[in-house]
Protein backbone atom coordinates (compact mmCIF):
# COMPACT_ATOMS: atom_id res chain seq x y z
CA MET A 1 -42.88 60.77 -15.88
CA ARG A 2 -41.71 59.23 -12.75
CA GLY A 3 -38.04 57.58 -14.11
CA VAL A 4 -40.19 56.51 -17.32
CA PRO A 5 -38.91 56.67 -20.91
CA LEU A 6 -40.30 59.20 -22.80
CA LYS A 7 -41.00 56.30 -25.93
CA ALA A 8 -43.23 54.50 -23.40
CA ILE A 9 -45.26 57.13 -22.37
CA GLN A 10 -45.90 58.17 -26.04
CA GLU A 11 -46.71 54.51 -26.42
CA LEU A 12 -49.09 54.26 -23.48
CA MET A 13 -50.39 57.31 -24.59
CA GLY A 14 -51.21 56.63 -28.26
CA HIS A 15 -49.40 59.26 -29.38
CA ALA A 16 -48.16 59.59 -33.14
CA THR A 17 -44.85 61.98 -32.75
CA ILE A 18 -42.19 62.15 -29.44
CA GLU A 19 -42.88 65.89 -29.76
CA MET A 20 -46.46 65.93 -28.61
CA THR A 21 -45.06 63.58 -25.07
CA GLU A 22 -42.54 66.46 -24.82
CA ARG A 23 -45.62 69.02 -25.57
CA TYR A 24 -47.26 67.55 -22.19
CA ALA A 25 -43.87 66.27 -20.04
CA HIS A 26 -43.56 69.11 -17.52
CA LEU A 27 -40.26 68.35 -15.18
CA SER A 28 -41.58 68.55 -11.15
CA PRO A 29 -38.78 71.19 -9.62
CA GLU A 30 -38.06 69.01 -8.06
CA VAL A 31 -37.37 66.45 -10.23
CA ARG A 32 -34.72 69.12 -11.98
CA ALA A 33 -33.11 69.74 -8.62
CA SER A 34 -32.12 65.75 -8.48
CA ALA A 35 -30.97 65.98 -11.97
CA VAL A 36 -28.63 69.28 -11.71
CA GLN A 37 -26.91 66.95 -8.30
CA GLN A 38 -26.64 64.02 -10.26
CA LEU A 39 -24.77 66.51 -13.51
CA GLU A 40 -22.33 67.79 -10.48
CA LEU A 41 -21.10 64.64 -9.49
CA PRO A 42 -17.49 63.44 -10.92
CA VAL A 43 -17.54 61.41 -14.13
CA PRO A 44 -16.29 58.29 -13.10
CA GLN A 45 -12.97 57.38 -15.06
CA ILE A 46 -13.33 54.08 -17.65
CA GLN A 47 -10.80 51.54 -17.70
CA ALA A 48 -9.53 50.51 -21.60
CA ALA A 49 -9.24 46.87 -22.45
CA PRO A 50 -6.22 46.02 -22.83
CA ALA A 51 -4.99 45.15 -26.71
CA ARG A 52 -5.22 41.70 -27.05
CA SER A 53 -2.38 40.37 -29.20
CA ALA A 54 -2.95 38.20 -32.23
CA GLU A 55 -0.75 34.79 -30.68
CA GLY A 56 -4.15 34.31 -28.63
CA ALA A 57 -6.91 33.87 -31.11
CA HIS A 58 -8.42 31.28 -32.09
């Protein structure tokens, strides 16, 4: 799969359903290990945008 979205592979292979594509999509041990490492990383904190007042609205 090499980072290609399953939907793209589905269309390229001519599969009628995503389930058919998933049947043939197998992750290599390296890809699985990489996914686990990414899931173990801390989640970045997202800062909320400051609330806008009605005074500056157009």
